[in-house]
Amino acid sequence: MTRPSRNIDELLLQAGRELLPETGCRGLSVRRVAEQAGVNLGMFHYHFKTRENFIRTLLQQLYDGMFSRLSLQAERHQPPIEALRSVVGVIGRFARDNRRLLLRIVADALGGDALAAEFLRTNLPRHVGVVVRLLRAGQAQDALRPMPLSQALSFLVASVAAPILVGTAIVSRGLAPAGLVLNFEAEVLSDAAIDQRIDMALHALSADRGERNSEVSL
């Protein structure tokens, strides 16, 4: 008779989610995960076999949840610019809610950690590809101004996600002015702040009527 897991695998994954923003991929130890979960070390190996498989599972679950929400928004029947607004909103909130973990993953990847680099190589193209597809569709419908897609993508990232990740790094290291630290949550990380930056970015990327007419006359 198979012994029931009693949700031990989920207890271990929850412990990993709590620890990974602190330890990064490089510093996460199997023993510490088991201790955090209150689980026998042998049960970790029973469910996940190896540390590497555990980290892959943990990161992929986190990402796939976000990507499912993003895909749902992208596939709704709405104009490309509205789909873009929704999709970038999902990405911005994911970056906000997982900002310390994402900074750790990037730092680990840049430091040569194979698991972190593998995760980024596998998944970055997925949501970036959706955003680029919507940018291309918006340009094709003359809703967005014509420009290289890499330029438009860079502008969106710099407008929406960079303040979250770069700001968090600066604030957490005590490098930010006191006024910025005091208001960082409300003015940069809140839903209202994210939506405002998305609105400003899409307004800047939108093609106005005069620009469209000028292009037609040329």
C-alpha atoms as a PDB file:
ATOM      1  CA  MET A   1       0.000   0.000   0.000  1.00  0.00           C
ATOM      2  CA  THR A   2       1.404   3.406  -0.987  1.00  0.00           C
ATOM      3  CA  ARG A   3       2.018   5.766   1.918  1.00  0.00           C
ATOM      4  CA  PRO A   4       0.021   9.012   1.521  1.00  0.00           C
ATOM      5  CA  SER A   5       2.152  12.081   1.051  1.00  0.00           C
ATOM      6  CA  ARG A   6       0.033  14.188   3.463  1.00  0.00           C
ATOM      7  CA  ASN A   7       0.799  17.160   1.193  1.00  0.00           C
ATOM      8  CA  ILE A   8       4.453  16.948   2.154  1.00  0.00           C
ATOM      9  CA  ASP A   9       5.526  17.938  -1.350  1.00  0.00           C
ATOM     10  CA  GLU A  10       3.513  21.167  -1.057  1.00  0.00           C
ATOM     11  CA  LEU A  11       4.951  21.842   2.409  1.00  0.00           C
ATOM     12  CA  LEU A  12       8.436  21.561   0.939  1.00  0.00           C
ATOM     13  CA  LEU A  13       7.586  23.808  -2.017  1.00  0.00           C
ATOM     14  CA  GLN A  14       6.088  26.412   0.314  1.00  0.00           C
ATOM     15  CA  ALA A  15       9.265  26.333   2.397  1.00  0.00           C
ATOM     16  CA  GLY A  16      11.280  26.805  -0.780  1.00  0.00           C
ATOM     17  CA  ARG A  17       9.154  29.782  -1.791  1.00  0.00           C
ATOM     18  CA  GLU A  18       9.842  31.362   1.591  1.00  0.00           C
ATOM     19  CA  LEU A  19      13.589  30.705   1.536  1.00  0.00           C
ATOM     20  CA  LEU A  20      14.554  31.268  -2.094  1.00  0.00           C
ATOM     21  CA  PRO A  21      14.295  35.100  -2.084  1.00  0.00           C
ATOM     22  CA  GLU A  22      16.773  35.072   0.799  1.00  0.00           C
ATOM     23  CA  THR A  23      19.162  32.350  -0.327  1.00  0.00           C
ATOM     24  CA  GLY A  24      18.918  32.427  -4.109  1.00  0.00           C
ATOM     25  CA  CYS A  25      19.431  29.253  -6.111  1.00  0.00           C
ATOM     26  CA  ARG A  26      23.058  29.008  -5.098  1.00  0.00           C
ATOM     27  CA  GLY A  27      22.448  29.189  -1.360  1.00  0.00           C
ATOM     28  CA  LEU A  28      19.368  26.991  -1.038  1.00  0.00           C
ATOM     29  CA  SER A  29      20.173  23.790   0.837  1.00  0.00           C
ATOM     30  CA  VAL A  30      18.053  20.662   1.022  1.00  0.00           C
ATOM     31  CA  ARG A  31      18.493  20.451   4.793  1.00  0.00           C
ATOM     32  CA  ARG A  32      17.291  23.987   5.348  1.00  0.00           C
ATOM     33  CA  VAL A  33      14.219  23.433   3.171  1.00  0.00           C
ATOM     34  CA  ALA A  34      13.324  20.294   5.120  1.00  0.00           C
ATOM     35  CA  GLU A  35      13.813  22.084   8.442  1.00  0.00           C
ATOM     36  CA  GLN A  36      11.689  25.032   7.297  1.00  0.00           C
ATOM     37  CA  ALA A  37       8.922  22.659   6.221  1.00  0.00           C
ATOM     38  CA  GLY A  38       9.187  20.547   9.385  1.00  0.00           C
ATOM     39  CA  VAL A  39       9.708  17.481   7.233  1.00  0.00           C
ATOM     40  CA  ASN A  40      12.103  14.560   7.513  1.00  0.00           C
ATOM     41  CA  LEU A  41      15.043  14.944   5.140  1.00  0.00           C
ATOM     42  CA  GLY A  42      14.298  11.555   3.624  1.00  0.00           C
ATOM     43  CA  MET A  43      10.895  12.785   2.491  1.00  0.00           C
ATOM     44  CA  PHE A  44      12.548  15.544   0.470  1.00  0.00           C
ATOM     45  CA  HIS A  45      14.441  12.944  -1.544  1.00  0.00           C
ATOM     46  CA  TYR A  46      11.321  10.775  -1.791  1.00  0.00           C
ATOM     47  CA  HIS A  47       9.357  13.589  -3.465  1.00  0.00           C
ATOM     48  CA  PHE A  48      12.009  15.507  -5.412  1.00  0.00           C
ATOM     49  CA  LYS A  49      15.026  13.223  -5.678  1.00  0.00           C
ATOM     50  CA  THR A  50      17.575  16.041  -6.042  1.00  0.00           C
ATOM     51  CA  ARG A  51      18.072  19.664  -5.034  1.00  0.00           C
ATOM     52  CA  GLU A  52      18.270  20.644  -8.700  1.00  0.00           C
ATOM     53  CA  ASN A  53      14.932  19.032  -9.523  1.00  0.00           C
ATOM     54  CA  PHE A  54      13.332  20.745  -6.523  1.00  0.00           C
ATOM     55  CA  ILE A  55      14.532  24.202  -7.588  1.00  0.00           C
ATOM     56  CA  ARG A  56      13.421  23.613 -11.185  1.00  0.00           C
ATOM     57  CA  THR A  57       9.969  22.548  -9.984  1.00  0.00           C
ATOM     58  CA  LEU A  58       9.689  25.482  -7.595  1.00  0.00           C
ATOM     59  CA  LEU A  59      10.644  28.132 -10.139  1.00  0.00           C
ATOM     60  CA  GLN A  60       8.605  26.613 -12.957  1.00  0.00           C
ATOM     61  CA  GLN A  61       5.448  26.425 -10.856  1.00  0.00           C
ATOM     62  CA  LEU A  62       5.824  30.076  -9.932  1.00  0.00           C
ATOM     63  CA  TYR A  63       6.393  31.152 -13.528  1.00  0.00           C
ATOM     64  CA  ASP A  64       3.688  28.959 -15.054  1.00  0.00           C
ATOM     65  CA  GLY A  65       1.072  30.463 -12.750  1.00  0.00           C
ATOM     66  CA  MET A  66       1.956  33.931 -14.022  1.00  0.00           C
ATOM     67  CA  PHE A  67       2.116  32.814 -17.647  1.00  0.00           C
ATOM     68  CA  SER A  68      -1.337  31.221 -17.436  1.00  0.00           C
ATOM     69  CA  ARG A  69      -2.808  34.544 -16.266  1.00  0.00           C
ATOM     70  CA  LEU A  70      -0.888  36.393 -18.968  1.00  0.00           C
ATOM     71  CA  SER A  71      -2.056  34.015 -21.713  1.00  0.00           C
ATOM     72  CA  LEU A  72      -5.664  34.390 -20.599  1.00  0.00           C
ATOM     73  CA  GLN A  73      -5.429  38.168 -20.991  1.00  0.00           C
ATOM     74  CA  ALA A  74      -3.613  37.947 -24.324  1.00  0.00           C
ATOM     75  CA  GLU A  75      -6.244  35.634 -25.807  1.00  0.00           C
ATOM     76  CA  ARG A  76      -9.264  37.743 -24.872  1.00  0.00           C
ATOM     77  CA  HIS A  77     -11.089  39.349 -27.802  1.00  0.00           C
ATOM     78  CA  GLN A  78      -9.926  42.935 -27.413  1.00  0.00           C
ATOM     79  CA  PRO A  79      -7.837  45.428 -29.403  1.00  0.00           C
ATOM     80  CA  PRO A  80      -4.079  44.776 -29.268  1.00  0.00           C
ATOM     81  CA  ILE A  81      -3.391  47.887 -27.204  1.00  0.00           C
ATOM     82  CA  GLU A  82      -5.900  46.807 -24.530  1.00  0.00           C
ATOM     83  CA  ALA A  83      -4.512  43.272 -24.558  1.00  0.00           C
ATOM     84  CA  LEU A  84      -1.063  44.811 -24.165  1.00  0.00           C
ATOM     85  CA  ARG A  85      -2.272  46.846 -21.192  1.00  0.00           C
ATOM     86  CA  SER A  86      -3.626  43.707 -19.509  1.00  0.00           C
ATOM     87  CA  VAL A  87      -0.574  41.566 -20.276  1.00  0.00           C
ATOM     88  CA  VAL A  88       1.922  44.162 -19.067  1.00  0.00           C
ATOM     89  CA  GLY A  89      -0.199  44.564 -15.937  1.00  0.00           C
ATOM     90  CA  VAL A  90       0.171  40.841 -15.185  1.00  0.00           C
ATOM     91  CA  ILE A  91       3.941  41.058 -15.715  1.00  0.00           C
ATOM     92  CA  GLY A  92       4.257  44.202 -13.586  1.00  0.00           C
ATOM     93  CA  ARG A  93       2.381  42.685 -10.663  1.00  0.00           C
ATOM     94  CA  PHE A  94       4.367  39.459 -10.923  1.00  0.00           C
ATOM     95  CA  ALA A  95       7.591  41.491 -10.818  1.00  0.00           C
ATOM     96  CA  ARG A  96       6.276  43.419  -7.814  1.00  0.00           C
ATOM     97  CA  ASP A  97       5.129  40.353  -5.863  1.00  0.00           C
ATOM     98  CA  ASN A  98       8.339  38.395  -6.569  1.00  0.00           C
ATOM     99  CA  ARG A  99      10.842  41.242  -6.833  1.00  0.00           C
ATOM    100  CA  ARG A 100      13.358  39.939  -4.298  1.00  0.00           C
ATOM    101  CA  LEU A 101      13.304  36.469  -5.802  1.00  0.00           C
ATOM    102  CA  LEU A 102      13.717  37.807  -9.348  1.00  0.00           C
ATOM    103  CA  LEU A 103      16.678  39.945  -8.305  1.00  0.00           C
ATOM    104  CA  ARG A 104      18.253  36.864  -6.729  1.00  0.00           C
ATOM    105  CA  ILE A 105      17.702  34.763  -9.841  1.00  0.00           C
ATOM    106  CA  VAL A 106      19.264  37.398 -12.096  1.00  0.00           C
ATOM    107  CA  ALA A 107      22.221  37.802  -9.718  1.00  0.00           C
ATOM    108  CA  ASP A 108      22.703  34.019  -9.585  1.00  0.00           C
ATOM    109  CA  ALA A 109      22.525  33.713 -13.374  1.00  0.00           C
ATOM    110  CA  LEU A 110      25.049  36.513 -13.858  1.00  0.00           C
ATOM    111  CA  GLY A 111      27.242  34.809 -11.272  1.00  0.00           C
ATOM    112  CA  GLY A 112      27.269  31.591 -13.273  1.00  0.00           C
ATOM    113  CA  ASP A 113      24.589  29.520 -11.546  1.00  0.00           C
ATOM    114  CA  ALA A 114      23.396  26.976 -14.104  1.00  0.00           C
ATOM    115  CA  LEU A 115      19.872  26.526 -12.688  1.00  0.00           C
ATOM    116  CA  ALA A 116      19.131  30.253 -12.621  1.00  0.00           C
ATOM    117  CA  ALA A 117      20.510  30.709 -16.143  1.00  0.00           C
ATOM    118  CA  GLU A 118      18.484  27.740 -17.401  1.00  0.00           C
ATOM    119  CA  PHE A 119      15.300  29.166 -15.893  1.00  0.00           C
ATOM    120  CA  LEU A 120      15.815  32.562 -17.554  1.00  0.00           C
ATOM    121  CA  ARG A 121      16.758  31.076 -20.936  1.00  0.00           C
ATOM    122  CA  THR A 122      13.688  28.841 -20.912  1.00  0.00           C
ATOM    123  CA  ASN A 123      11.092  31.332 -19.741  1.00  0.00           C
ATOM    124  CA  LEU A 124      12.075  34.881 -20.673  1.00  0.00           C
ATOM    125  CA  PRO A 125      11.319  34.276 -24.366  1.00  0.00           C
ATOM    126  CA  ARG A 126       7.798  33.098 -23.506  1.00  0.00           C
ATOM    127  CA  HIS A 127       6.302  36.271 -22.037  1.00  0.00           C
ATOM    128  CA  VAL A 128       8.566  38.549 -24.072  1.00  0.00           C
ATOM    129  CA  GLY A 129       7.244  36.806 -27.187  1.00  0.00           C
ATOM    130  CA  VAL A 130       3.648  37.556 -26.199  1.00  0.00           C
ATOM    131  CA  VAL A 131       4.427  41.239 -25.616  1.00  0.00           C
ATOM    132  CA  VAL A 132       6.282  41.509 -28.939  1.00  0.00           C
ATOM    133  CA  ARG A 133       3.387  39.858 -30.775  1.00  0.00           C
ATOM    134  CA  LEU A 134       0.954  42.407 -29.321  1.00  0.00           C
ATOM    135  CA  LEU A 135       3.293  45.290 -30.129  1.00  0.00           C
ATOM    136  CA  ARG A 136       3.534  44.060 -33.722  1.00  0.00           C
ATOM    137  CA  ALA A 137      -0.261  43.754 -33.957  1.00  0.00           C
ATOM    138  CA  GLY A 138      -0.714  47.260 -32.575  1.00  0.00           C
ATOM    139  CA  GLN A 139       1.713  48.662 -35.111  1.00  0.00           C
ATOM    140  CA  ALA A 140       0.009  46.772 -37.932  1.00  0.00           C
ATOM    141  CA  GLN A 141      -3.300  48.404 -36.970  1.00  0.00           C
ATOM    142  CA  ASP A 142      -1.653  51.855 -36.705  1.00  0.00           C
ATOM    143  CA  ALA A 143      -2.583  51.996 -33.024  1.00  0.00           C
ATOM    144  CA  LEU A 144       1.096  52.132 -32.021  1.00  0.00           C
ATOM    145  CA  ARG A 145       3.734  54.322 -33.600  1.00  0.00           C
ATOM    146  CA  PRO A 146       6.132  52.533 -35.951  1.00  0.00           C
ATOM    147  CA  MET A 147       9.505  51.819 -34.412  1.00  0.00           C
ATOM    148  CA  PRO A 148      11.797  48.809 -33.989  1.00  0.00           C
ATOM    149  CA  LEU A 149      10.067  46.262 -31.777  1.00  0.00           C
ATOM    150  CA  SER A 150      13.143  45.977 -29.583  1.00  0.00           C
ATOM    151  CA  GLN A 151      12.937  49.727 -28.948  1.00  0.00           C
ATOM    152  CA  ALA A 152       9.243  49.577 -28.019  1.00  0.00           C
ATOM    153  CA  LEU A 153       9.832  46.540 -25.781  1.00  0.00           C
ATOM    154  CA  SER A 154      12.761  48.208 -24.031  1.00  0.00           C
ATOM    155  CA  PHE A 155      10.672  51.316 -23.405  1.00  0.00           C
ATOM    156  CA  LEU A 156       7.856  49.274 -21.835  1.00  0.00           C
ATOM    157  CA  VAL A 157      10.245  47.328 -19.610  1.00  0.00           C
ATOM    158  CA  ALA A 158      12.037  50.488 -18.519  1.00  0.00           C
ATOM    159  CA  SER A 159       8.735  52.195 -17.748  1.00  0.00           C
ATOM    160  CA  VAL A 160       6.948  49.426 -15.870  1.00  0.00           C
ATOM    161  CA  ALA A 161       9.294  46.789 -14.452  1.00  0.00           C
ATOM    162  CA  ALA A 162      12.597  48.624 -14.030  1.00  0.00           C
ATOM    163  CA  PRO A 163      11.321  50.953 -11.259  1.00  0.00           C
ATOM    164  CA  ILE A 164      10.180  47.877  -9.329  1.00  0.00           C
ATOM    165  CA  LEU A 165      13.373  45.842  -9.633  1.00  0.00           C
ATOM    166  CA  VAL A 166      15.988  48.598  -9.694  1.00  0.00           C
ATOM    167  CA  GLY A 167      14.116  50.539  -7.026  1.00  0.00           C
ATOM    168  CA  THR A 168      13.916  47.485  -4.770  1.00  0.00           C
ATOM    169  CA  ALA A 169      17.648  46.840  -5.171  1.00  0.00           C
ATOM    170  CA  ILE A 170      18.496  50.449  -4.295  1.00  0.00           C
ATOM    171  CA  VAL A 171      16.102  50.673  -1.350  1.00  0.00           C
ATOM    172  CA  SER A 172      17.106  47.291   0.117  1.00  0.00           C
ATOM    173  CA  ARG A 173      20.778  48.284   0.089  1.00  0.00           C
ATOM    174  CA  GLY A 174      20.144  51.558   1.881  1.00  0.00           C
ATOM    175  CA  LEU A 175      21.185  53.658  -1.108  1.00  0.00           C
ATOM    176  CA  ALA A 176      17.908  55.547  -1.618  1.00  0.00           C
ATOM    177  CA  PRO A 177      17.027  58.985  -0.173  1.00  0.00           C
ATOM    178  CA  ALA A 178      14.790  58.795   2.890  1.00  0.00           C
ATOM    179  CA  GLY A 179      11.830  60.317   1.049  1.00  0.00           C
ATOM    180  CA  LEU A 180      11.946  57.641  -1.622  1.00  0.00           C
ATOM    181  CA  VAL A 181      12.096  54.843   0.944  1.00  0.00           C
ATOM    182  CA  LEU A 182       9.136  56.270   2.851  1.00  0.00           C
ATOM    183  CA  ASN A 183       6.878  56.435  -0.206  1.00  0.00           C
ATOM    184  CA  PHE A 184       8.279  53.547  -2.254  1.00  0.00           C
ATOM    185  CA  GLU A 185       5.413  51.123  -1.605  1.00  0.00           C
ATOM    186  CA  ALA A 186       2.635  53.573  -2.483  1.00  0.00           C
ATOM    187  CA  GLU A 187       4.339  55.486  -5.274  1.00  0.00           C
ATOM    188  CA  VAL A 188       6.152  52.665  -7.099  1.00  0.00           C
ATOM    189  CA  LEU A 189       4.853  49.249  -6.010  1.00  0.00           C
ATOM    190  CA  SER A 190       1.101  49.763  -5.607  1.00  0.00           C
ATOM    191  CA  ASP A 191      -1.401  48.584  -8.218  1.00  0.00           C
ATOM    192  CA  ALA A 192      -2.305  52.229  -8.876  1.00  0.00           C
ATOM    193  CA  ALA A 193       1.342  53.153  -9.488  1.00  0.00           C
ATOM    194  CA  ILE A 194       1.892  50.208 -11.842  1.00  0.00           C
ATOM    195  CA  ASP A 195      -1.274  51.031 -13.790  1.00  0.00           C
ATOM    196  CA  GLN A 196      -0.244  54.686 -14.047  1.00  0.00           C
ATOM    197  CA  ARG A 197       3.137  53.773 -15.526  1.00  0.00           C
ATOM    198  CA  ILE A 198       1.464  51.409 -18.000  1.00  0.00           C
ATOM    199  CA  ASP A 199      -0.941  54.167 -19.051  1.00  0.00           C
ATOM    200  CA  MET A 200       1.918  56.637 -19.567  1.00  0.00           C
ATOM    201  CA  ALA A 201       4.015  54.099 -21.496  1.00  0.00           C
ATOM    202  CA  LEU A 202       1.168  53.132 -23.824  1.00  0.00           C
ATOM    203  CA  HIS A 203       0.258  56.776 -24.349  1.00  0.00           C
ATOM    204  CA  ALA A 204       3.851  57.470 -25.380  1.00  0.00           C
ATOM    205  CA  LEU A 205       3.881  54.480 -27.725  1.00  0.00           C
ATOM    206  CA  SER A 206       0.506  55.257 -29.290  1.00  0.00           C
ATOM    207  CA  ALA A 207       0.370  56.782 -32.754  1.00  0.00           C
ATOM    208  CA  ASP A 208      -1.680  59.988 -32.781  1.00  0.00           C
ATOM    209  CA  ARG A 209      -3.917  60.985 -35.673  1.00  0.00           C
ATOM    210  CA  GLY A 210      -1.549  63.622 -36.981  1.00  0.00           C
ATOM    211  CA  GLU A 211       1.356  61.195 -37.077  1.00  0.00           C
ATOM    212  CA  ARG A 212      -0.716  58.643 -38.994  1.00  0.00           C
ATOM    213  CA  ASN A 213      -1.853  61.206 -41.552  1.00  0.00           C
ATOM    214  CA  SER A 214       1.707  62.441 -42.000  1.00  0.00           C
ATOM    215  CA  GLU A 215       2.913  58.899 -42.691  1.00  0.00           C
ATOM    216  CA  VAL A 216       0.127  58.357 -45.229  1.00  0.00           C
ATOM    217  CA  SER A 217       0.958  61.574 -47.099  1.00  0.00           C
ATOM    218  CA  LEU A 218       4.611  60.579 -47.281  1.00  0.00           C
END
